[in-house]
């Protein structure tokens, strides 16, 4: 019984790492910056080899400019820690092996598409949220900072308004300026 729980935990951890890699690629940071290796304390040489490989890889990629990527890092962090996304990840077995409330099962690829779609939307909400920490902005101003299309920003702003995180805080000409609501 304990082994089964251990294996489920490893599957969940692997799934979470795949999600983080996906978000790092989506953000432009790159999934290669995340490396996870399981090494026993008795495998010192293997550990040293992994450290050498990672060091070489990071030399090739170059340093992570944290100031330049701060907005993207904040959005990735927000997405990873989103309780709805974490819940959805925890429902993998129910949705792929059993069935949902409509007596349907998802195949693994469809489930992964759902996870990626939810993660992408949450990442975009995170980008917008982080951008608005600098003060109220129009949709075009947010687009200038995030690089997101106007339509995507409008959709995700609507999501943030629905959960009372963002509201219209004035206008610039005819364009509404959106800002964060006090937490």
N, C-alpha and C. Protein backbone atom coordinates (compact mmCIF):
# COMPACT_ATOMS: atom_id res chain seq x y z
N UNK A 1 0.83 -1.19 0.00
CA UNK A 1 0.00 0.00 0.00
C UNK A 1 0.88 1.26 0.00
N UNK A 2 1.91 1.28 0.81
CA UNK A 2 2.81 2.43 0.87
C UNK A 2 3.54 2.64 -0.44
N UNK A 3 3.92 1.55 -1.13
CA UNK A 3 4.60 1.68 -2.41
C UNK A 3 3.71 2.32 -3.46
N UNK A 4 2.42 1.98 -3.45
CA UNK A 4 1.48 2.56 -4.40
C UNK A 4 1.40 4.08 -4.21
N UNK A 5 1.29 4.52 -2.96
CA UNK A 5 1.23 5.95 -2.66
C UNK A 5 2.52 6.64 -3.10
N UNK A 6 3.65 5.98 -2.90
CA UNK A 6 4.95 6.52 -3.30
C UNK A 6 4.99 6.71 -4.81
N UNK A 7 4.51 5.70 -5.57
CA UNK A 7 4.52 5.79 -7.03
C UNK A 7 3.59 6.89 -7.52
N UNK A 8 2.41 7.02 -6.89
CA UNK A 8 1.50 8.10 -7.27
C UNK A 8 2.15 9.45 -7.02
N UNK A 9 2.88 9.59 -5.93
CA UNK A 9 3.58 10.83 -5.64
C UNK A 9 4.63 11.15 -6.68
N UNK A 10 5.35 10.12 -7.14
CA UNK A 10 6.35 10.32 -8.18
C UNK A 10 5.71 10.72 -9.51
N UNK A 11 4.56 10.13 -9.84
CA UNK A 11 3.85 10.48 -11.07
C UNK A 11 3.41 11.94 -10.99
N UNK A 12 2.87 12.34 -9.84
CA UNK A 12 2.44 13.73 -9.66
C UNK A 12 3.64 14.68 -9.76
N UNK A 13 4.76 14.30 -9.16
CA UNK A 13 5.96 15.14 -9.22
C UNK A 13 6.45 15.27 -10.66
N UNK A 14 6.44 14.18 -11.40
CA UNK A 14 6.87 14.21 -12.81
C UNK A 14 5.92 15.09 -13.63
N UNK A 15 4.63 14.97 -13.36
CA UNK A 15 3.64 15.78 -14.07
C UNK A 15 3.86 17.26 -13.76
N UNK A 16 4.13 17.58 -12.52
CA UNK A 16 4.37 18.96 -12.11
C UNK A 16 5.64 19.50 -12.78
N UNK A 17 6.68 18.69 -12.87
CA UNK A 17 7.92 19.12 -13.53
C UNK A 17 7.66 19.38 -15.01
N UNK A 18 6.85 18.53 -15.66
CA UNK A 18 6.51 18.75 -17.07
C UNK A 18 5.78 20.08 -17.23
N UNK A 19 4.89 20.39 -16.29
CA UNK A 19 4.16 21.65 -16.34
C UNK A 19 5.11 22.84 -16.18
N UNK A 20 6.03 22.74 -15.25
CA UNK A 20 7.00 23.82 -15.04
C UNK A 20 7.85 24.00 -16.30
N UNK A 21 8.28 22.90 -16.90
CA UNK A 21 9.07 23.00 -18.15
C UNK A 21 8.26 23.69 -19.25
N UNK A 22 6.99 23.31 -19.37
CA UNK A 22 6.12 23.93 -20.37
C UNK A 22 6.02 25.44 -20.13
N UNK A 23 5.79 25.84 -18.88
CA UNK A 23 5.67 27.25 -18.56
C UNK A 23 6.98 28.01 -18.78
N UNK A 24 8.10 27.37 -18.48
CA UNK A 24 9.39 28.02 -18.72
C UNK A 24 9.63 28.25 -20.21
N UNK A 25 9.21 27.31 -21.05
CA UNK A 25 9.32 27.51 -22.49
C UNK A 25 8.37 28.60 -22.96
N UNK A 26 7.13 28.57 -22.46
CA UNK A 26 6.14 29.57 -22.83
C UNK A 26 6.62 30.97 -22.47
N UNK A 27 7.30 31.09 -21.35
CA UNK A 27 7.77 32.40 -20.86
C UNK A 27 9.01 32.92 -21.59
N UNK A 28 9.67 32.03 -22.33
CA UNK A 28 10.91 32.43 -22.99
C UNK A 28 12.15 32.20 -22.13
N UNK A 29 11.96 31.71 -20.93
CA UNK A 29 13.09 31.42 -20.05
C UNK A 29 13.79 30.15 -20.52
N UNK A 30 13.00 29.17 -20.93
CA UNK A 30 13.55 27.93 -21.49
C UNK A 30 13.56 26.79 -20.48
N UNK A 31 13.07 25.65 -20.92
CA UNK A 31 12.96 24.49 -20.03
C UNK A 31 14.31 23.89 -19.66
N UNK A 32 15.34 24.16 -20.44
CA UNK A 32 16.65 23.58 -20.14
C UNK A 32 17.25 24.10 -18.83
N UNK A 33 16.73 25.22 -18.35
CA UNK A 33 17.23 25.77 -17.09
C UNK A 33 16.77 24.96 -15.88
N UNK A 34 15.82 24.07 -16.10
CA UNK A 34 15.32 23.22 -15.02
C UNK A 34 15.80 21.80 -15.25
N UNK A 35 16.58 21.32 -14.32
CA UNK A 35 17.10 19.95 -14.39
C UNK A 35 16.84 19.26 -13.06
N UNK A 36 16.24 18.10 -13.13
CA UNK A 36 15.99 17.32 -11.92
C UNK A 36 16.60 15.94 -12.14
N UNK A 37 17.47 15.56 -11.27
CA UNK A 37 18.11 14.24 -11.33
C UNK A 37 18.04 13.60 -9.97
N UNK A 38 17.71 12.34 -9.93
CA UNK A 38 17.69 11.58 -8.69
C UNK A 38 19.00 10.83 -8.57
N UNK A 39 19.77 11.16 -7.56
CA UNK A 39 21.09 10.55 -7.37
C UNK A 39 21.21 10.12 -5.91
N UNK A 40 21.64 8.92 -5.72
CA UNK A 40 21.85 8.39 -4.37
C UNK A 40 23.13 9.01 -3.78
N UNK A 41 23.19 9.03 -2.47
CA UNK A 41 24.38 9.53 -1.79
C UNK A 41 25.62 8.70 -2.13
N UNK A 42 25.42 7.47 -2.57
CA UNK A 42 26.55 6.60 -2.91
C UNK A 42 27.02 6.80 -4.35
N UNK A 43 26.35 7.68 -5.09
CA UNK A 43 26.69 7.89 -6.50
C UNK A 43 27.37 9.24 -6.71
N UNK A 44 28.45 9.43 -5.99
CA UNK A 44 29.16 10.71 -6.03
C UNK A 44 29.65 11.08 -7.40
N UNK A 45 30.21 10.13 -8.14
CA UNK A 45 30.72 10.42 -9.48
C UNK A 45 29.60 10.80 -10.43
N UNK A 46 28.48 10.10 -10.32
CA UNK A 46 27.33 10.43 -11.17
C UNK A 46 26.84 11.85 -10.86
N UNK A 47 26.80 12.22 -9.59
CA UNK A 47 26.41 13.57 -9.19
C UNK A 47 27.37 14.60 -9.79
N UNK A 48 28.66 14.33 -9.69
CA UNK A 48 29.68 15.25 -10.23
C UNK A 48 29.51 15.39 -11.75
N UNK A 49 29.21 14.30 -12.43
CA UNK A 49 29.00 14.34 -13.88
C UNK A 49 27.79 15.20 -14.24
N UNK A 50 26.71 15.05 -13.46
CA UNK A 50 25.52 15.86 -13.71
C UNK A 50 25.80 17.34 -13.50
N UNK A 51 26.54 17.68 -12.46
CA UNK A 51 26.88 19.07 -12.19
C UNK A 51 27.72 19.64 -13.33
N UNK A 52 28.66 18.86 -13.83
CA UNK A 52 29.49 19.29 -14.95
C UNK A 52 28.63 19.52 -16.20
N UNK A 53 27.72 18.59 -16.48
CA UNK A 53 26.83 18.72 -17.65
C UNK A 53 25.96 19.97 -17.53
N UNK A 54 25.41 20.19 -16.35
CA UNK A 54 24.55 21.35 -16.15
C UNK A 54 25.34 22.65 -16.28
N UNK A 55 26.55 22.66 -15.74
CA UNK A 55 27.40 23.84 -15.84
C UNK A 55 27.69 24.17 -17.30
N UNK A 56 28.01 23.17 -18.10
CA UNK A 56 28.27 23.39 -19.53
C UNK A 56 27.02 23.88 -20.25
N UNK A 57 25.88 23.29 -19.92
CA UNK A 57 24.63 23.70 -20.54
C UNK A 57 24.32 25.16 -20.23
N UNK A 58 24.50 25.55 -18.97
CA UNK A 58 24.22 26.93 -18.58
C UNK A 58 25.21 27.91 -19.20
N UNK A 59 26.43 27.48 -19.43
CA UNK A 59 27.40 28.34 -20.14
C UNK A 59 26.92 28.59 -21.56
N UNK A 60 26.40 27.53 -22.21
CA UNK A 60 25.89 27.66 -23.58
C UNK A 60 24.67 28.57 -23.63
N UNK A 61 23.75 28.39 -22.70
CA UNK A 61 22.51 29.16 -22.68
C UNK A 61 22.78 30.61 -22.30
N UNK A 62 23.69 30.81 -21.38
CA UNK A 62 23.99 32.15 -20.90
C UNK A 62 23.24 32.43 -19.62
N UNK A 63 23.62 33.49 -18.95
CA UNK A 63 23.00 33.80 -17.65
C UNK A 63 21.54 34.21 -17.82
N UNK A 64 20.76 33.95 -16.79
CA UNK A 64 19.37 34.38 -16.75
C UNK A 64 19.34 35.81 -16.24
N UNK A 65 18.87 36.70 -17.07
CA UNK A 65 18.78 38.11 -16.67
C UNK A 65 17.50 38.29 -15.86
N UNK A 66 17.64 38.14 -14.54
CA UNK A 66 16.48 38.14 -13.64
C UNK A 66 15.67 39.42 -13.73
N UNK A 67 16.32 40.55 -13.82
CA UNK A 67 15.58 41.82 -13.90
C UNK A 67 14.75 41.88 -15.18
N UNK A 68 15.34 41.44 -16.28
CA UNK A 68 14.65 41.45 -17.56
C UNK A 68 13.51 40.42 -17.59
N UNK A 69 13.66 39.33 -16.87
CA UNK A 69 12.67 38.25 -16.89
C UNK A 69 11.76 38.26 -15.66
N UNK A 70 11.83 39.30 -14.83
CA UNK A 70 11.07 39.34 -13.58
C UNK A 70 9.57 39.17 -13.80
N UNK A 71 9.04 39.82 -14.81
CA UNK A 71 7.62 39.72 -15.11
C UNK A 71 7.26 38.27 -15.46
N UNK A 72 8.07 37.64 -16.28
CA UNK A 72 7.82 36.26 -16.71
C UNK A 72 7.98 35.28 -15.54
N UNK A 73 8.98 35.50 -14.72
CA UNK A 73 9.16 34.64 -13.54
C UNK A 73 7.97 34.76 -12.59
N UNK A 74 7.46 35.96 -12.42
CA UNK A 74 6.29 36.16 -11.56
C UNK A 74 5.07 35.44 -12.13
N UNK A 75 4.91 35.50 -13.44
CA UNK A 75 3.77 34.84 -14.08
C UNK A 75 3.88 33.32 -13.99
N UNK A 76 5.08 32.79 -14.18
CA UNK A 76 5.29 31.34 -14.04
C UNK A 76 4.98 30.91 -12.61
N UNK A 77 5.49 31.65 -11.65
CA UNK A 77 5.26 31.32 -10.24
C UNK A 77 3.77 31.35 -9.91
N UNK A 78 3.08 32.36 -10.40
CA UNK A 78 1.64 32.47 -10.16
C UNK A 78 0.90 31.27 -10.75
N UNK A 79 1.27 30.88 -11.96
CA UNK A 79 0.61 29.74 -12.61
C UNK A 79 0.87 28.44 -11.85
N UNK A 80 2.10 28.21 -11.48
CA UNK A 80 2.46 26.97 -10.78
C UNK A 80 1.72 26.85 -9.45
N UNK A 81 1.52 27.96 -8.78
CA UNK A 81 0.90 27.95 -7.47
C UNK A 81 -0.62 28.15 -7.51
N UNK A 82 -1.19 28.21 -8.68
CA UNK A 82 -2.63 28.39 -8.80
C UNK A 82 -3.37 27.16 -8.29
N UNK A 83 -4.25 27.33 -7.30
CA UNK A 83 -4.94 26.17 -6.71
C UNK A 83 -5.84 25.42 -7.70
N UNK A 84 -6.46 26.13 -8.63
CA UNK A 84 -7.32 25.45 -9.61
C UNK A 84 -6.50 24.55 -10.52
N UNK A 85 -5.35 25.04 -10.94
CA UNK A 85 -4.48 24.24 -11.80
C UNK A 85 -3.92 23.04 -11.04
N UNK A 86 -3.57 23.25 -9.80
CA UNK A 86 -3.07 22.14 -8.98
C UNK A 86 -4.17 21.10 -8.76
N UNK A 87 -5.40 21.56 -8.56
CA UNK A 87 -6.52 20.64 -8.41
C UNK A 87 -6.70 19.81 -9.68
N UNK A 88 -6.65 20.49 -10.83
CA UNK A 88 -6.81 19.80 -12.11
C UNK A 88 -5.74 18.75 -12.30
N UNK A 89 -4.52 19.06 -11.90
CA UNK A 89 -3.44 18.07 -12.00
C UNK A 89 -3.71 16.88 -11.08
N UNK A 90 -4.30 17.14 -9.93
CA UNK A 90 -4.62 16.06 -9.01
C UNK A 90 -5.77 15.18 -9.48
N UNK A 91 -6.50 15.64 -10.49
CA UNK A 91 -7.64 14.89 -11.02
C UNK A 91 -7.26 13.98 -12.19
N UNK A 92 -5.98 13.86 -12.47
CA UNK A 92 -5.55 13.09 -13.64
C UNK A 92 -6.13 11.67 -13.62
N UNK A 93 -5.94 10.97 -12.55
CA UNK A 93 -6.41 9.58 -12.49
C UNK A 93 -7.93 9.51 -12.67
N UNK A 94 -8.63 10.39 -12.00
CA UNK A 94 -10.10 10.40 -12.11
C UNK A 94 -10.53 10.63 -13.55
N UNK A 95 -9.90 11.57 -14.23
CA UNK A 95 -10.33 11.94 -15.57
C UNK A 95 -9.82 11.02 -16.66
N UNK A 96 -8.69 10.34 -16.44
CA UNK A 96 -8.13 9.48 -17.49
C UNK A 96 -8.38 7.99 -17.27
N UNK A 97 -8.48 7.57 -16.02
CA UNK A 97 -8.66 6.14 -15.76
C UNK A 97 -10.10 5.81 -15.38
N UNK A 98 -10.74 6.71 -14.70
CA UNK A 98 -12.12 6.48 -14.29
C UNK A 98 -13.01 7.24 -15.26
N UNK A 99 -13.76 8.20 -14.78
CA UNK A 99 -14.56 9.02 -15.67
C UNK A 99 -15.02 10.28 -14.95
N UNK A 100 -15.46 11.26 -15.74
CA UNK A 100 -15.96 12.49 -15.14
C UNK A 100 -17.45 12.34 -14.81
N UNK A 101 -18.09 13.40 -14.41
CA UNK A 101 -19.50 13.33 -14.01
C UNK A 101 -20.42 13.01 -15.18
N UNK A 102 -19.94 13.14 -16.40
CA UNK A 102 -20.73 12.82 -17.59
C UNK A 102 -20.43 11.42 -18.11
N UNK A 103 -19.72 10.63 -17.30
CA UNK A 103 -19.35 9.26 -17.64
C UNK A 103 -18.43 9.20 -18.87
N UNK A 104 -17.53 10.19 -18.96
CA UNK A 104 -16.56 10.25 -20.05
C UNK A 104 -15.16 10.13 -19.46
N UNK A 105 -14.28 9.52 -20.22
CA UNK A 105 -12.86 9.46 -19.86
C UNK A 105 -12.09 10.26 -20.89
N UNK A 106 -11.02 10.88 -20.44
CA UNK A 106 -10.11 11.56 -21.36
C UNK A 106 -8.92 10.66 -21.64
N UNK A 107 -8.47 10.65 -22.88
CA UNK A 107 -7.20 9.95 -23.13
C UNK A 107 -6.09 10.86 -22.62
N UNK A 108 -4.93 10.29 -22.44
CA UNK A 108 -3.80 11.01 -21.83
C UNK A 108 -3.46 12.29 -22.60
N UNK A 109 -3.46 12.22 -23.93
CA UNK A 109 -3.11 13.38 -24.74
C UNK A 109 -4.12 14.51 -24.55
N UNK A 110 -5.41 14.17 -24.51
CA UNK A 110 -6.45 15.19 -24.30
C UNK A 110 -6.31 15.82 -22.92
N UNK A 111 -6.01 14.98 -21.92
CA UNK A 111 -5.83 15.51 -20.57
C UNK A 111 -4.64 16.48 -20.54
N UNK A 112 -3.54 16.11 -21.18
CA UNK A 112 -2.37 17.00 -21.21
C UNK A 112 -2.67 18.30 -21.94
N UNK A 113 -3.51 18.23 -22.98
CA UNK A 113 -3.92 19.45 -23.69
C UNK A 113 -4.72 20.37 -22.76
N UNK A 114 -5.61 19.77 -21.95
CA UNK A 114 -6.40 20.55 -21.00
C UNK A 114 -5.48 21.24 -19.99
N UNK A 115 -4.52 20.49 -19.47
CA UNK A 115 -3.57 21.04 -18.49
C UNK A 115 -2.78 22.20 -19.12
N UNK A 116 -2.27 21.99 -20.33
CA UNK A 116 -1.47 23.03 -20.99
C UNK A 116 -2.31 24.27 -21.27
N UNK A 117 -3.55 24.07 -21.70
CA UNK A 117 -4.42 25.20 -21.98
C UNK A 117 -4.70 25.99 -20.70
N UNK A 118 -5.00 25.29 -19.62
CA UNK A 118 -5.26 25.96 -18.33
C UNK A 118 -4.01 26.68 -17.84
N UNK A 119 -2.85 26.05 -17.99
CA UNK A 119 -1.59 26.65 -17.55
C UNK A 119 -1.27 27.90 -18.37
N UNK A 120 -1.51 27.83 -19.67
CA UNK A 120 -1.24 28.98 -20.53
C UNK A 120 -2.13 30.17 -20.15
N UNK A 121 -3.41 29.90 -19.93
CA UNK A 121 -4.32 30.98 -19.52
C UNK A 121 -3.89 31.58 -18.18
N UNK A 122 -3.50 30.72 -17.25
CA UNK A 122 -3.08 31.22 -15.94
C UNK A 122 -1.77 32.00 -16.06
N UNK A 123 -0.87 31.55 -16.92
CA UNK A 123 0.38 32.28 -17.15
C UNK A 123 0.07 33.69 -17.70
N UNK A 124 -0.84 33.77 -18.66
CA UNK A 124 -1.21 35.06 -19.23
C UNK A 124 -1.85 35.96 -18.16
N UNK A 125 -2.72 35.39 -17.33
CA UNK A 125 -3.30 36.18 -16.23
C UNK A 125 -2.19 36.68 -15.30
N UNK A 126 -1.21 35.83 -15.05
CA UNK A 126 -0.08 36.21 -14.21
C UNK A 126 0.74 37.33 -14.81
N UNK A 127 0.96 37.30 -16.12
CA UNK A 127 1.68 38.39 -16.79
C UNK A 127 0.94 39.71 -16.63
N UNK A 128 -0.36 39.66 -16.84
CA UNK A 128 -1.17 40.88 -16.73
C UNK A 128 -1.17 41.38 -15.29
N UNK A 129 -1.37 40.47 -14.36
CA UNK A 129 -1.40 40.84 -12.94
C UNK A 129 -0.07 41.49 -12.53
N UNK A 130 1.03 40.89 -12.92
CA UNK A 130 2.35 41.43 -12.58
C UNK A 130 2.57 42.80 -13.23
N UNK A 131 2.08 42.97 -14.44
CA UNK A 131 2.21 44.25 -15.13
C UNK A 131 1.43 45.34 -14.41
N UNK A 132 0.24 44.99 -13.93
CA UNK A 132 -0.61 45.98 -13.26
C UNK A 132 -0.11 46.36 -11.87
N UNK A 133 0.89 45.65 -11.36
CA UNK A 133 1.48 46.04 -10.07
C UNK A 133 2.16 47.40 -10.18
N UNK A 134 2.52 47.80 -11.40
CA UNK A 134 3.14 49.11 -11.63
C UNK A 134 2.11 50.23 -11.72
N UNK A 135 0.83 49.89 -11.61
CA UNK A 135 -0.23 50.90 -11.67
C UNK A 135 -1.20 50.63 -12.79
N UNK A 136 -2.34 51.35 -12.79
CA UNK A 136 -3.37 51.15 -13.81
C UNK A 136 -2.83 51.39 -15.22
N UNK A 137 -3.30 50.54 -16.17
CA UNK A 137 -2.86 50.63 -17.55
C UNK A 137 -4.00 50.26 -18.49
N UNK A 138 -3.91 50.77 -19.71
CA UNK A 138 -4.87 50.40 -20.75
C UNK A 138 -4.47 49.04 -21.33
N UNK A 139 -5.36 48.47 -22.09
CA UNK A 139 -5.08 47.18 -22.74
C UNK A 139 -3.86 47.32 -23.66
N UNK A 140 -3.78 48.42 -24.39
CA UNK A 140 -2.62 48.62 -25.29
C UNK A 140 -1.31 48.77 -24.51
N UNK A 141 -1.36 49.43 -23.38
CA UNK A 141 -0.15 49.55 -22.56
C UNK A 141 0.27 48.19 -22.02
N UNK A 142 -0.69 47.40 -21.59
CA UNK A 142 -0.39 46.05 -21.11
C UNK A 142 0.22 45.22 -22.24
N UNK A 143 -0.32 45.37 -23.44
CA UNK A 143 0.22 44.65 -24.61
C UNK A 143 1.66 45.06 -24.88
N UNK A 144 1.94 46.34 -24.72
CA UNK A 144 3.30 46.83 -24.94
C UNK A 144 4.30 46.23 -23.97
N UNK A 145 3.87 45.98 -22.75
CA UNK A 145 4.76 45.41 -21.74
C UNK A 145 4.87 43.90 -21.88
N UNK A 146 3.74 43.23 -22.10
CA UNK A 146 3.72 41.76 -22.09
C UNK A 146 3.97 41.12 -23.45
N UNK A 147 3.65 41.85 -24.53
CA UNK A 147 3.76 41.26 -25.86
C UNK A 147 2.56 40.39 -26.22
N UNK A 148 1.55 40.36 -25.36
CA UNK A 148 0.36 39.55 -25.63
C UNK A 148 -0.57 40.27 -26.60
N UNK A 149 -1.32 39.51 -27.41
CA UNK A 149 -2.30 40.14 -28.30
C UNK A 149 -3.41 40.83 -27.51
N UNK A 150 -3.98 41.87 -28.06
CA UNK A 150 -5.03 42.64 -27.39
C UNK A 150 -6.21 41.75 -26.99
N UNK A 151 -6.62 40.86 -27.87
CA UNK A 151 -7.76 39.99 -27.59
C UNK A 151 -7.47 39.08 -26.39
N UNK A 152 -6.28 38.54 -26.33
CA UNK A 152 -5.89 37.68 -25.21
C UNK A 152 -5.93 38.48 -23.91
N UNK A 153 -5.41 39.69 -23.95
CA UNK A 153 -5.41 40.53 -22.75
C UNK A 153 -6.85 40.82 -22.31
N UNK A 154 -7.71 41.12 -23.26
CA UNK A 154 -9.11 41.39 -22.91
C UNK A 154 -9.76 40.18 -22.26
N UNK A 155 -9.53 39.00 -22.81
CA UNK A 155 -10.10 37.77 -22.22
C UNK A 155 -9.59 37.55 -20.80
N UNK A 156 -8.28 37.67 -20.61
CA UNK A 156 -7.70 37.39 -19.29
C UNK A 156 -8.04 38.50 -18.29
N UNK A 157 -8.17 39.75 -18.74
CA UNK A 157 -8.63 40.81 -17.85
C UNK A 157 -10.05 40.52 -17.37
N UNK A 158 -10.87 40.01 -18.27
CA UNK A 158 -12.23 39.62 -17.90
C UNK A 158 -12.19 38.55 -16.81
N UNK A 159 -11.31 37.58 -16.96
CA UNK A 159 -11.15 36.53 -15.93
C UNK A 159 -10.77 37.16 -14.59
N UNK A 160 -9.81 38.07 -14.62
CA UNK A 160 -9.33 38.71 -13.39
C UNK A 160 -10.39 39.60 -12.76
N UNK A 161 -11.22 40.23 -13.60
CA UNK A 161 -12.33 41.03 -13.07
C UNK A 161 -13.35 40.14 -12.37
N UNK A 162 -13.64 38.99 -12.95
CA UNK A 162 -14.64 38.08 -12.38
C UNK A 162 -14.26 37.60 -10.98
N UNK A 163 -12.97 37.48 -10.72
CA UNK A 163 -12.54 37.02 -9.40
C UNK A 163 -12.08 38.19 -8.51
N UNK A 164 -12.49 39.38 -8.92
CA UNK A 164 -12.28 40.61 -8.13
C UNK A 164 -10.82 40.91 -7.82
N UNK A 165 -9.95 40.68 -8.80
CA UNK A 165 -8.55 41.07 -8.64
C UNK A 165 -8.23 42.35 -9.40
N UNK A 166 -9.04 42.66 -10.42
CA UNK A 166 -8.79 43.79 -11.30
C UNK A 166 -10.10 44.52 -11.54
N UNK A 167 -10.01 45.83 -11.73
CA UNK A 167 -11.19 46.62 -12.07
C UNK A 167 -10.76 47.83 -12.90
N UNK A 168 -11.73 48.48 -13.52
CA UNK A 168 -11.44 49.71 -14.24
C UNK A 168 -11.18 50.81 -13.21
N UNK A 169 -10.04 51.49 -13.38
CA UNK A 169 -9.62 52.51 -12.42
C UNK A 169 -9.57 53.91 -13.04
N UNK A 170 -10.27 54.10 -14.12
CA UNK A 170 -10.26 55.38 -14.80
C UNK A 170 -10.15 55.18 -16.30
N UNK A 171 -9.88 56.28 -17.00
CA UNK A 171 -9.77 56.21 -18.46
C UNK A 171 -8.61 57.06 -18.94
N UNK A 172 -8.08 56.67 -20.06
CA UNK A 172 -7.09 57.47 -20.77
C UNK A 172 -7.70 57.72 -22.14
N UNK A 173 -8.25 58.90 -22.34
CA UNK A 173 -9.04 59.16 -23.54
C UNK A 173 -10.31 58.31 -23.46
N UNK A 174 -10.51 57.47 -24.47
CA UNK A 174 -11.68 56.58 -24.48
C UNK A 174 -11.33 55.18 -23.99
N UNK A 175 -10.09 54.95 -23.65
CA UNK A 175 -9.64 53.62 -23.24
C UNK A 175 -9.68 53.47 -21.72
N UNK A 176 -10.32 52.40 -21.26
CA UNK A 176 -10.31 52.16 -19.80
C UNK A 176 -8.92 51.77 -19.32
N UNK A 177 -8.61 52.21 -18.11
CA UNK A 177 -7.35 51.82 -17.46
C UNK A 177 -7.71 50.82 -16.37
N UNK A 178 -7.05 49.66 -16.42
CA UNK A 178 -7.31 48.61 -15.46
C UNK A 178 -6.23 48.64 -14.38
N UNK A 179 -6.66 48.38 -13.16
CA UNK A 179 -5.73 48.34 -12.04
C UNK A 179 -6.09 47.23 -11.08
N UNK A 180 -5.17 46.92 -10.21
CA UNK A 180 -5.37 45.88 -9.22
C UNK A 180 -6.24 46.40 -8.08
N UNK A 181 -7.13 45.55 -7.61
CA UNK A 181 -7.92 45.87 -6.43
C UNK A 181 -7.10 45.53 -5.20
N UNK A 182 -7.28 46.26 -4.15
CA UNK A 182 -6.54 45.99 -2.90
C UNK A 182 -6.89 44.61 -2.38
N UNK A 183 -5.87 43.88 -1.96
CA UNK A 183 -6.10 42.50 -1.49
C UNK A 183 -6.59 42.48 -0.08
